[in-house]
Structure formats: structure tokens, C-alpha cells
Amino acid sequence: MFYLLDQPTQKEFQDLAQRYREMDPSSVKATVTLLRVGSDLLTGFETLLRRYGLSQGRFLILIVMNREPDKLTRPSILAEQIGVTRATMTGLIEGLARDGLVQRIPHGNDRRKMNLKLTPGGKDVLETLLPDYWSRIHHLMDGLTGNEQMTLTRLLEKVAQGIPELNRE
């Protein structure tokens, strides 16, 4: 989460750039704005999902499984698809199974492996949540034209290509 609510003014960015030659004020301003909006989006979506008794992790499992709702999948595949560790996936699945949203099904002869299936209860939760979810996303993006939305997507994809630079040693 990015908690900085009091963002620097353009003049403050310029002043900082005079002190730090490596700083490009436009890049920093764009990054700070992106971080702020991203944090606000995440908070908003977490609030919405809580109304349906879900966390982001639990929702992502359900939404990925809902791509092919009658197909069995393995927890390790889901962990890769949503970007969590297997240990985290185990805890998320435990809660979803306890709430009757996914079913664990033994994997053939190997008792160490299991498959998962979306239950009718899981499908029902999604059928209730998703119309609200899609509507709110539509209203979120309502201020942008279709072309602007496509441009925003392309720009964000370009920004994402630079993320490995943050992790470089």
C-alpha cells in the first residue's frame, strides 16, 4: 500500500530535481500518482469483496476457477496463476473449502495430491458478486472513452516492463 496522501506539488518536484540530478520530476510524479491510485483501487476492491465475505486471494481463486467452472484444477497451478506461494494457497483453499465454495477431490492413487472443483455454492457467490463487480468497474472507467481505456492499458503494460528495474541489485 502507498499511504502518501499529501503528494508534492509540481514546484516541490522541481525543487527536488535540482537537489537530486538523477531525479526526473515527470517520472517521479507519474509513479507517485500511479502508486496512490493503485492503492486506492486495491482498498476499494477489498472493501467490495468483504461485503461478499471474500478476501482478494479467495476471490482470485474463485474467479480463475470460474473460467472453466466444471474443470478440476490443482492447487499448485492456481498458486502460479494468481502469484502466491503454495503455503498461502493452502490457507486460502482451507477457508474456501470450509465455506463450501470449493471442493477437494483426491487425485487418483496419489493421496498427497488433490484436485479442486468449484462447488455450486462457489458458483452462486460469483453469480451474486460479479454483476456488482463488473458494474462498479464500468463506473470506475466511465470517465474514459473506449480508446482512452485501451491507451491506458497499453501505457500500464509499458510501465510494467520497467518493474524489474526496481528489483535490480
N, C-alpha and C. Protein backbone atom coordinates (compact mmCIF):
# COMPACT_ATOMS: atom_id res chain seq x y z
N MET A 1 0.84 -1.18 0.00
CA MET A 1 0.00 0.00 0.00
C MET A 1 0.88 1.24 0.00
N PHE A 2 0.38 2.25 -0.63
CA PHE A 2 1.08 3.53 -0.72
C PHE A 2 0.24 4.56 0.02
N TYR A 3 0.73 5.02 1.15
CA TYR A 3 -0.08 5.83 2.05
C TYR A 3 0.09 7.33 1.91
N LEU A 4 0.96 7.78 1.04
CA LEU A 4 1.22 9.22 0.93
C LEU A 4 0.01 9.94 0.33
N LEU A 5 -0.74 10.63 1.19
CA LEU A 5 -1.90 11.38 0.72
C LEU A 5 -1.50 12.79 0.28
N ASP A 6 -0.53 13.37 0.95
CA ASP A 6 -0.07 14.72 0.65
C ASP A 6 1.05 14.64 -0.38
N GLN A 7 0.66 14.59 -1.64
CA GLN A 7 1.65 14.46 -2.70
C GLN A 7 2.32 15.80 -2.97
N PRO A 8 3.60 15.76 -3.34
CA PRO A 8 4.31 17.01 -3.63
C PRO A 8 3.68 17.78 -4.79
N THR A 9 3.81 19.09 -4.73
CA THR A 9 3.35 19.93 -5.83
C THR A 9 4.38 19.87 -6.96
N GLN A 10 4.01 20.41 -8.11
CA GLN A 10 4.93 20.44 -9.24
C GLN A 10 6.21 21.20 -8.86
N LYS A 11 6.06 22.31 -8.14
CA LYS A 11 7.23 23.09 -7.72
C LYS A 11 8.11 22.27 -6.79
N GLU A 12 7.50 21.53 -5.86
CA GLU A 12 8.28 20.70 -4.95
C GLU A 12 9.04 19.60 -5.71
N PHE A 13 8.39 19.03 -6.73
CA PHE A 13 9.08 18.05 -7.56
C PHE A 13 10.28 18.70 -8.26
N GLN A 14 10.08 19.90 -8.78
CA GLN A 14 11.16 20.62 -9.47
C GLN A 14 12.31 20.93 -8.51
N ASP A 15 11.96 21.37 -7.30
CA ASP A 15 13.00 21.66 -6.30
C ASP A 15 13.80 20.41 -5.95
N LEU A 16 13.12 19.29 -5.81
CA LEU A 16 13.82 18.04 -5.53
C LEU A 16 14.75 17.65 -6.68
N ALA A 17 14.29 17.89 -7.89
CA ALA A 17 15.10 17.55 -9.06
C ALA A 17 16.39 18.38 -9.11
N GLN A 18 16.35 19.58 -8.56
CA GLN A 18 17.57 20.40 -8.51
C GLN A 18 18.56 19.84 -7.48
N ARG A 19 18.03 19.23 -6.43
CA ARG A 19 18.89 18.64 -5.39
C ARG A 19 19.42 17.27 -5.79
N TYR A 20 18.64 16.53 -6.58
CA TYR A 20 18.99 15.16 -6.96
C TYR A 20 19.01 15.07 -8.49
N ARG A 21 20.20 15.12 -9.06
CA ARG A 21 20.32 15.16 -10.51
C ARG A 21 19.74 13.93 -11.20
N GLU A 22 19.72 12.79 -10.50
CA GLU A 22 19.20 11.56 -11.10
C GLU A 22 17.68 11.58 -11.23
N MET A 23 17.05 12.51 -10.56
CA MET A 23 15.59 12.54 -10.50
C MET A 23 15.00 13.22 -11.73
N ASP A 24 14.05 12.52 -12.34
CA ASP A 24 13.25 13.11 -13.42
C ASP A 24 11.88 13.41 -12.81
N PRO A 25 11.56 14.70 -12.62
CA PRO A 25 10.31 15.04 -11.92
C PRO A 25 9.06 14.44 -12.56
N SER A 26 9.01 14.39 -13.88
CA SER A 26 7.83 13.82 -14.54
C SER A 26 7.68 12.34 -14.22
N SER A 27 8.79 11.60 -14.23
CA SER A 27 8.74 10.17 -13.92
C SER A 27 8.29 9.93 -12.48
N VAL A 28 8.84 10.73 -11.56
CA VAL A 28 8.50 10.56 -10.15
C VAL A 28 7.04 10.93 -9.91
N LYS A 29 6.58 12.03 -10.49
CA LYS A 29 5.18 12.44 -10.32
C LYS A 29 4.23 11.37 -10.86
N ALA A 30 4.54 10.83 -12.04
CA ALA A 30 3.70 9.79 -12.63
C ALA A 30 3.69 8.54 -11.74
N THR A 31 4.85 8.18 -11.21
CA THR A 31 4.95 6.99 -10.36
C THR A 31 4.19 7.18 -9.05
N VAL A 32 4.34 8.34 -8.43
CA VAL A 32 3.64 8.61 -7.17
C VAL A 32 2.12 8.60 -7.41
N THR A 33 1.69 9.17 -8.51
CA THR A 33 0.25 9.17 -8.84
C THR A 33 -0.24 7.75 -9.08
N LEU A 34 0.53 6.97 -9.83
CA LEU A 34 0.15 5.58 -10.10
C LEU A 34 0.07 4.78 -8.81
N LEU A 35 1.04 4.95 -7.92
CA LEU A 35 1.02 4.25 -6.64
C LEU A 35 -0.20 4.64 -5.80
N ARG A 36 -0.51 5.91 -5.77
CA ARG A 36 -1.65 6.40 -4.99
C ARG A 36 -2.95 5.82 -5.54
N VAL A 37 -3.14 5.91 -6.86
CA VAL A 37 -4.37 5.40 -7.48
C VAL A 37 -4.46 3.88 -7.30
N GLY A 38 -3.33 3.19 -7.48
CA GLY A 38 -3.32 1.74 -7.30
C GLY A 38 -3.71 1.33 -5.89
N SER A 39 -3.19 2.04 -4.90
CA SER A 39 -3.54 1.75 -3.51
C SER A 39 -5.02 2.00 -3.25
N ASP A 40 -5.52 3.10 -3.78
CA ASP A 40 -6.95 3.41 -3.59
C ASP A 40 -7.84 2.37 -4.28
N LEU A 41 -7.43 1.92 -5.47
CA LEU A 41 -8.18 0.87 -6.17
C LEU A 41 -8.20 -0.41 -5.35
N LEU A 42 -7.04 -0.81 -4.85
CA LEU A 42 -6.95 -2.03 -4.07
C LEU A 42 -7.82 -1.95 -2.82
N THR A 43 -7.77 -0.82 -2.13
CA THR A 43 -8.60 -0.62 -0.94
C THR A 43 -10.09 -0.70 -1.29
N GLY A 44 -10.47 -0.05 -2.38
CA GLY A 44 -11.88 -0.08 -2.81
C GLY A 44 -12.36 -1.47 -3.14
N PHE A 45 -11.54 -2.23 -3.88
CA PHE A 45 -11.93 -3.58 -4.24
C PHE A 45 -11.95 -4.50 -3.02
N GLU A 46 -11.03 -4.31 -2.09
CA GLU A 46 -11.05 -5.12 -0.87
C GLU A 46 -12.32 -4.85 -0.06
N THR A 47 -12.74 -3.59 -0.01
CA THR A 47 -13.98 -3.24 0.68
C THR A 47 -15.18 -3.92 0.03
N LEU A 48 -15.23 -3.88 -1.29
CA LEU A 48 -16.32 -4.53 -2.02
C LEU A 48 -16.32 -6.04 -1.77
N LEU A 49 -15.17 -6.67 -1.86
CA LEU A 49 -15.10 -8.13 -1.68
C LEU A 49 -15.48 -8.55 -0.27
N ARG A 50 -15.13 -7.74 0.73
CA ARG A 50 -15.51 -8.06 2.12
C ARG A 50 -17.03 -8.13 2.28
N ARG A 51 -17.76 -7.33 1.51
CA ARG A 51 -19.23 -7.38 1.59
C ARG A 51 -19.76 -8.76 1.21
N TYR A 52 -18.97 -9.48 0.42
CA TYR A 52 -19.36 -10.82 -0.02
C TYR A 52 -18.61 -11.90 0.74
N GLY A 53 -17.92 -11.52 1.82
CA GLY A 53 -17.21 -12.48 2.65
C GLY A 53 -15.93 -13.02 2.03
N LEU A 54 -15.33 -12.24 1.12
CA LEU A 54 -14.13 -12.70 0.43
C LEU A 54 -12.96 -11.75 0.65
N SER A 55 -11.78 -12.31 0.58
CA SER A 55 -10.55 -11.53 0.51
C SER A 55 -10.15 -11.50 -0.97
N GLN A 56 -9.15 -10.71 -1.28
CA GLN A 56 -8.67 -10.67 -2.66
C GLN A 56 -8.16 -12.05 -3.10
N GLY A 57 -7.40 -12.72 -2.23
CA GLY A 57 -6.86 -14.03 -2.56
C GLY A 57 -7.95 -15.05 -2.82
N ARG A 58 -8.94 -15.08 -1.96
CA ARG A 58 -10.05 -16.03 -2.14
C ARG A 58 -10.83 -15.72 -3.42
N PHE A 59 -11.06 -14.43 -3.68
CA PHE A 59 -11.76 -14.02 -4.89
C PHE A 59 -10.98 -14.45 -6.13
N LEU A 60 -9.67 -14.23 -6.13
CA LEU A 60 -8.87 -14.57 -7.30
C LEU A 60 -8.92 -16.07 -7.60
N ILE A 61 -8.91 -16.89 -6.56
CA ILE A 61 -9.04 -18.34 -6.77
C ILE A 61 -10.37 -18.64 -7.44
N LEU A 62 -11.44 -18.09 -6.91
CA LEU A 62 -12.77 -18.35 -7.47
C LEU A 62 -12.88 -17.86 -8.91
N ILE A 63 -12.35 -16.67 -9.16
CA ILE A 63 -12.50 -16.08 -10.50
C ILE A 63 -11.69 -16.87 -11.53
N VAL A 64 -10.51 -17.36 -11.13
CA VAL A 64 -9.71 -18.18 -12.05
C VAL A 64 -10.41 -19.52 -12.28
N MET A 65 -10.91 -20.12 -11.23
CA MET A 65 -11.63 -21.39 -11.39
C MET A 65 -12.90 -21.21 -12.21
N ASN A 66 -13.50 -20.04 -12.16
CA ASN A 66 -14.74 -19.77 -12.88
C ASN A 66 -14.52 -19.67 -14.39
N ARG A 67 -13.28 -19.56 -14.84
CA ARG A 67 -13.02 -19.54 -16.29
C ARG A 67 -13.51 -20.84 -16.92
N GLU A 68 -13.32 -21.95 -16.22
CA GLU A 68 -13.82 -23.26 -16.62
C GLU A 68 -14.42 -23.90 -15.37
N PRO A 69 -15.65 -23.49 -15.02
CA PRO A 69 -16.21 -23.82 -13.71
C PRO A 69 -16.40 -25.30 -13.41
N ASP A 70 -16.44 -26.14 -14.41
CA ASP A 70 -16.65 -27.56 -14.15
C ASP A 70 -15.37 -28.37 -14.26
N LYS A 71 -14.27 -27.71 -14.49
CA LYS A 71 -12.98 -28.38 -14.66
C LYS A 71 -12.26 -28.50 -13.32
N LEU A 72 -11.59 -29.63 -13.12
CA LEU A 72 -10.77 -29.83 -11.93
C LEU A 72 -9.43 -29.12 -12.14
N THR A 73 -8.88 -28.59 -11.07
CA THR A 73 -7.56 -27.97 -11.13
C THR A 73 -6.77 -28.32 -9.88
N ARG A 74 -5.47 -28.13 -9.96
CA ARG A 74 -4.62 -28.43 -8.82
C ARG A 74 -4.22 -27.14 -8.11
N PRO A 75 -4.05 -27.20 -6.79
CA PRO A 75 -3.66 -26.02 -6.03
C PRO A 75 -2.35 -25.39 -6.53
N SER A 76 -1.40 -26.20 -6.94
CA SER A 76 -0.12 -25.66 -7.40
C SER A 76 -0.30 -24.83 -8.67
N ILE A 77 -1.19 -25.24 -9.53
CA ILE A 77 -1.47 -24.48 -10.76
C ILE A 77 -2.13 -23.15 -10.40
N LEU A 78 -3.09 -23.20 -9.49
CA LEU A 78 -3.76 -21.96 -9.05
C LEU A 78 -2.76 -21.01 -8.40
N ALA A 79 -1.85 -21.54 -7.60
CA ALA A 79 -0.84 -20.70 -6.93
C ALA A 79 -0.03 -19.94 -7.97
N GLU A 80 0.37 -20.62 -9.04
CA GLU A 80 1.12 -19.96 -10.11
C GLU A 80 0.26 -18.92 -10.83
N GLN A 81 -0.99 -19.24 -11.08
CA GLN A 81 -1.87 -18.34 -11.82
C GLN A 81 -2.16 -17.04 -11.07
N ILE A 82 -2.25 -17.12 -9.75
CA ILE A 82 -2.58 -15.89 -9.01
C ILE A 82 -1.37 -15.29 -8.30
N GLY A 83 -0.23 -15.97 -8.38
CA GLY A 83 1.01 -15.38 -7.87
C GLY A 83 1.16 -15.43 -6.36
N VAL A 84 0.80 -16.55 -5.76
CA VAL A 84 1.01 -16.73 -4.32
C VAL A 84 1.82 -18.00 -4.10
N THR A 85 2.38 -18.13 -2.91
CA THR A 85 3.13 -19.34 -2.58
C THR A 85 2.16 -20.50 -2.36
N ARG A 86 2.71 -21.68 -2.40
CA ARG A 86 1.87 -22.86 -2.15
C ARG A 86 1.34 -22.86 -0.72
N ALA A 87 2.15 -22.35 0.21
CA ALA A 87 1.70 -22.28 1.61
C ALA A 87 0.51 -21.33 1.74
N THR A 88 0.59 -20.20 1.08
CA THR A 88 -0.54 -19.25 1.10
C THR A 88 -1.76 -19.89 0.46
N MET A 89 -1.54 -20.59 -0.65
CA MET A 89 -2.65 -21.26 -1.35
C MET A 89 -3.33 -22.26 -0.43
N THR A 90 -2.56 -22.99 0.35
CA THR A 90 -3.13 -23.98 1.27
C THR A 90 -4.10 -23.32 2.24
N GLY A 91 -3.71 -22.18 2.80
CA GLY A 91 -4.59 -21.47 3.73
C GLY A 91 -5.84 -20.93 3.05
N LEU A 92 -5.68 -20.40 1.84
CA LEU A 92 -6.84 -19.88 1.11
C LEU A 92 -7.82 -20.99 0.76
N ILE A 93 -7.30 -22.12 0.33
CA ILE A 93 -8.15 -23.27 -0.03
C ILE A 93 -8.87 -23.80 1.21
N GLU A 94 -8.17 -23.83 2.33
CA GLU A 94 -8.77 -24.30 3.58
C GLU A 94 -10.04 -23.49 3.88
N GLY A 95 -9.93 -22.17 3.79
CA GLY A 95 -11.09 -21.31 4.07
C GLY A 95 -12.20 -21.48 3.04
N LEU A 96 -11.83 -21.57 1.76
CA LEU A 96 -12.85 -21.75 0.71
C LEU A 96 -13.57 -23.08 0.86
N ALA A 97 -12.82 -24.13 1.20
CA ALA A 97 -13.44 -25.45 1.39
C ALA A 97 -14.34 -25.44 2.61
N ARG A 98 -13.87 -24.82 3.70
CA ARG A 98 -14.67 -24.74 4.93
C ARG A 98 -16.00 -24.02 4.67
N ASP A 99 -15.94 -22.99 3.80
CA ASP A 99 -17.15 -22.22 3.49
C ASP A 99 -17.98 -22.86 2.37
N GLY A 100 -17.54 -24.00 1.87
CA GLY A 100 -18.31 -24.72 0.86
C GLY A 100 -18.23 -24.10 -0.54
N LEU A 101 -17.17 -23.34 -0.81
CA LEU A 101 -17.05 -22.68 -2.12
C LEU A 101 -16.22 -23.48 -3.11
N VAL A 102 -15.31 -24.30 -2.58
CA VAL A 102 -14.56 -25.24 -3.42
C VAL A 102 -14.58 -26.59 -2.75
N GLN A 103 -14.42 -27.61 -3.57
CA GLN A 103 -14.40 -28.98 -3.06
C GLN A 103 -13.04 -29.59 -3.36
N ARG A 104 -12.48 -30.26 -2.37
CA ARG A 104 -11.24 -31.02 -2.56
C ARG A 104 -11.61 -32.42 -3.05
N ILE A 105 -10.93 -32.85 -4.09
CA ILE A 105 -11.19 -34.18 -4.65
C ILE A 105 -9.85 -34.91 -4.73
N PRO A 106 -9.75 -36.08 -4.12
CA PRO A 106 -8.48 -36.82 -4.17
C PRO A 106 -8.03 -37.05 -5.62
N HIS A 107 -6.72 -37.02 -5.81
CA HIS A 107 -6.11 -37.17 -7.13
C HIS A 107 -5.71 -38.62 -7.35
N GLY A 108 -6.61 -39.39 -7.93
CA GLY A 108 -6.31 -40.79 -8.27
C GLY A 108 -5.73 -41.59 -7.13
N ASN A 109 -4.60 -42.25 -7.39
CA ASN A 109 -3.97 -43.13 -6.40
C ASN A 109 -3.01 -42.40 -5.48
N ASP A 110 -2.64 -41.17 -5.81
CA ASP A 110 -1.66 -40.42 -5.02
C ASP A 110 -2.39 -39.59 -3.96
N ARG A 111 -2.34 -40.04 -2.71
CA ARG A 111 -3.07 -39.36 -1.63
C ARG A 111 -2.48 -38.01 -1.28
N ARG A 112 -1.23 -37.75 -1.70
CA ARG A 112 -0.60 -36.46 -1.40
C ARG A 112 -1.13 -35.34 -2.29
N LYS A 113 -1.69 -35.70 -3.41
CA LYS A 113 -2.18 -34.70 -4.36
C LYS A 113 -3.70 -34.60 -4.26
N MET A 114 -4.17 -33.41 -4.58
CA MET A 114 -5.62 -33.24 -4.61
C MET A 114 -5.99 -32.32 -5.77
N ASN A 115 -7.19 -32.46 -6.23
CA ASN A 115 -7.77 -31.56 -7.22
C ASN A 115 -8.81 -30.70 -6.52
N LEU A 116 -9.11 -29.60 -7.15
CA LEU A 116 -10.14 -28.69 -6.63
C LEU A 116 -11.21 -28.49 -7.68
N LYS A 117 -12.42 -28.31 -7.19
CA LYS A 117 -13.54 -28.03 -8.08
C LYS A 117 -14.40 -26.94 -7.44
N LEU A 118 -14.87 -26.05 -8.26
CA LEU A 118 -15.80 -25.02 -7.80
C LEU A 118 -17.13 -25.68 -7.46
N THR A 119 -17.65 -25.41 -6.29
CA THR A 119 -18.93 -26.00 -5.87
C THR A 119 -20.09 -25.15 -6.38
N PRO A 120 -21.30 -25.68 -6.31
CA PRO A 120 -22.46 -24.86 -6.63
C PRO A 120 -22.52 -23.60 -5.75
N GLY A 121 -22.11 -23.73 -4.49
CA GLY A 121 -22.07 -22.56 -3.60
C GLY A 121 -21.07 -21.52 -4.07
N GLY A 122 -19.91 -21.98 -4.55
CA GLY A 122 -18.91 -21.06 -5.09
C GLY A 122 -19.44 -20.35 -6.33
N LYS A 123 -20.11 -21.12 -7.19
CA LYS A 123 -20.70 -20.53 -8.40
C LYS A 123 -21.78 -19.51 -8.02
N ASP A 124 -22.57 -19.82 -7.01
CA ASP A 124 -23.62 -18.90 -6.56
C ASP A 124 -23.04 -17.59 -6.04
N VAL A 125 -21.95 -17.67 -5.26
CA VAL A 125 -21.30 -16.46 -4.76
C VAL A 125 -20.86 -15.59 -5.93
N LEU A 126 -20.25 -16.21 -6.92
CA LEU A 126 -19.79 -15.45 -8.08
C LEU A 126 -20.96 -14.87 -8.88
N GLU A 127 -22.05 -15.63 -9.01
CA GLU A 127 -23.21 -15.13 -9.75
C GLU A 127 -23.86 -13.94 -9.05
N THR A 128 -23.70 -13.86 -7.73
CA THR A 128 -24.21 -12.72 -6.97
C THR A 128 -23.23 -11.54 -7.03
N LEU A 129 -21.94 -11.84 -6.86
CA LEU A 129 -20.91 -10.80 -6.78
C LEU A 129 -20.58 -10.18 -8.12
N LEU A 130 -20.41 -11.00 -9.15
CA LEU A 130 -19.84 -10.48 -10.40
C LEU A 130 -20.66 -9.39 -11.10
N PRO A 131 -21.98 -9.46 -11.14
CA PRO A 131 -22.69 -8.33 -11.76
C PRO A 131 -22.38 -7.00 -11.06
N ASP A 132 -22.33 -7.02 -9.73
CA ASP A 132 -21.98 -5.82 -8.96
C ASP A 132 -20.54 -5.40 -9.27
N TYR A 133 -19.64 -6.36 -9.28
CA TYR A 133 -18.22 -6.12 -9.53
C TYR A 133 -18.01 -5.49 -10.92
N TRP A 134 -18.62 -6.11 -11.96
CA TRP A 134 -18.45 -5.59 -13.32
C TRP A 134 -19.08 -4.20 -13.45
N SER A 135 -20.21 -3.99 -12.81
CA SER A 135 -20.86 -2.68 -12.86
C SER A 135 -19.98 -1.60 -12.25
N ARG A 136 -19.38 -1.92 -11.12
CA ARG A 136 -18.52 -0.93 -10.46
C ARG A 136 -17.27 -0.63 -11.29
N ILE A 137 -16.72 -1.65 -11.95
CA ILE A 137 -15.58 -1.41 -12.83
C ILE A 137 -16.00 -0.52 -14.00
N HIS A 138 -17.18 -0.77 -14.54
CA HIS A 138 -17.69 0.07 -15.63
C HIS A 138 -17.79 1.53 -15.18
N HIS A 139 -18.33 1.75 -13.99
CA HIS A 139 -18.47 3.12 -13.49
C HIS A 139 -17.12 3.74 -13.15
N LEU A 140 -16.19 2.93 -12.69
CA LEU A 140 -14.83 3.40 -12.41
C LEU A 140 -14.20 3.97 -13.67
N MET A 141 -14.40 3.31 -14.79
CA MET A 141 -13.78 3.70 -16.05
C MET A 141 -14.68 4.59 -16.92
N ASP A 142 -15.84 4.93 -16.41
CA ASP A 142 -16.83 5.69 -17.16
C ASP A 142 -16.31 7.04 -17.67
N GLY A 143 -15.36 7.64 -16.98
CA GLY A 143 -14.83 8.93 -17.40
C GLY A 143 -13.87 8.84 -18.58
N LEU A 144 -13.53 7.63 -18.99
CA LEU A 144 -12.62 7.42 -20.11
C LEU A 144 -13.38 6.85 -21.30
N THR A 145 -13.01 7.29 -22.49
CA THR A 145 -13.58 6.68 -23.70
C THR A 145 -12.98 5.30 -23.87
N GLY A 146 -13.55 4.52 -24.76
CA GLY A 146 -13.00 3.20 -25.06
C GLY A 146 -11.55 3.30 -25.53
N ASN A 147 -11.27 4.28 -26.39
CA ASN A 147 -9.89 4.47 -26.86
C ASN A 147 -8.96 4.86 -25.72
N GLU A 148 -9.43 5.71 -24.82
CA GLU A 148 -8.61 6.09 -23.67
C GLU A 148 -8.33 4.90 -22.76
N GLN A 149 -9.33 4.03 -22.60
CA GLN A 149 -9.13 2.82 -21.80
C GLN A 149 -8.08 1.92 -22.44
N MET A 150 -8.12 1.78 -23.76
CA MET A 150 -7.12 0.98 -24.45
C MET A 150 -5.74 1.62 -24.35
N THR A 151 -5.68 2.95 -24.44
CA THR A 151 -4.41 3.66 -24.30
C THR A 151 -3.86 3.48 -22.89
N LEU A 152 -4.73 3.60 -21.89
CA LEU A 152 -4.31 3.40 -20.50
C LEU A 152 -3.74 2.00 -20.32
N THR A 153 -4.40 1.01 -20.87
CA THR A 153 -3.92 -0.37 -20.77
C THR A 153 -2.54 -0.50 -21.40
N ARG A 154 -2.36 0.05 -22.59
CA ARG A 154 -1.05 -0.02 -23.26
C ARG A 154 0.02 0.69 -22.44
N LEU A 155 -0.31 1.85 -21.90
CA LEU A 155 0.66 2.59 -21.10
C LEU A 155 1.05 1.83 -19.83
N LEU A 156 0.06 1.26 -19.16
CA LEU A 156 0.36 0.49 -17.95
C LEU A 156 1.20 -0.74 -18.26
N GLU A 157 0.95 -1.37 -19.41
CA GLU A 157 1.77 -2.51 -19.82
C GLU A 157 3.22 -2.08 -20.05
N LYS A 158 3.40 -0.89 -20.61
CA LYS A 158 4.76 -0.37 -20.81
C LYS A 158 5.44 -0.09 -19.47
N VAL A 159 4.69 0.49 -18.53
CA VAL A 159 5.24 0.73 -17.19
C VAL A 159 5.63 -0.59 -16.55
N ALA A 160 4.80 -1.61 -16.70
CA ALA A 160 5.07 -2.92 -16.09
C ALA A 160 6.38 -3.51 -16.60
N GLN A 161 6.76 -3.21 -17.82
CA GLN A 161 8.02 -3.72 -18.36
C GLN A 161 9.23 -3.18 -17.59
N GLY A 162 9.07 -2.03 -16.94
CA GLY A 162 10.17 -1.45 -16.17
C GLY A 162 10.26 -1.92 -14.73
N ILE A 163 9.28 -2.67 -14.26
CA ILE A 163 9.26 -3.11 -12.87
C ILE A 163 10.51 -3.90 -12.47
N PRO A 164 11.04 -4.78 -13.34
CA PRO A 164 12.26 -5.50 -12.94
C PRO A 164 13.42 -4.56 -12.55
N GLU A 165 13.42 -3.36 -13.05
CA GLU A 165 14.47 -2.39 -12.68
C GLU A 165 14.43 -2.07 -11.19
N LEU A 166 13.26 -2.11 -10.59
CA LEU A 166 13.14 -1.85 -9.15
C LEU A 166 13.83 -2.94 -8.32
N ASN A 167 13.90 -4.15 -8.86
CA ASN A 167 14.45 -5.29 -8.13
C ASN A 167 15.92 -5.55 -8.46
N ARG A 168 16.45 -4.78 -9.37
CA ARG A 168 17.85 -4.98 -9.79
C ARG A 168 18.79 -4.63 -8.63
N GLU A 169 19.83 -5.45 -8.50
CA GLU A 169 20.80 -5.19 -7.41
C GLU A 169 21.88 -4.24 -7.85
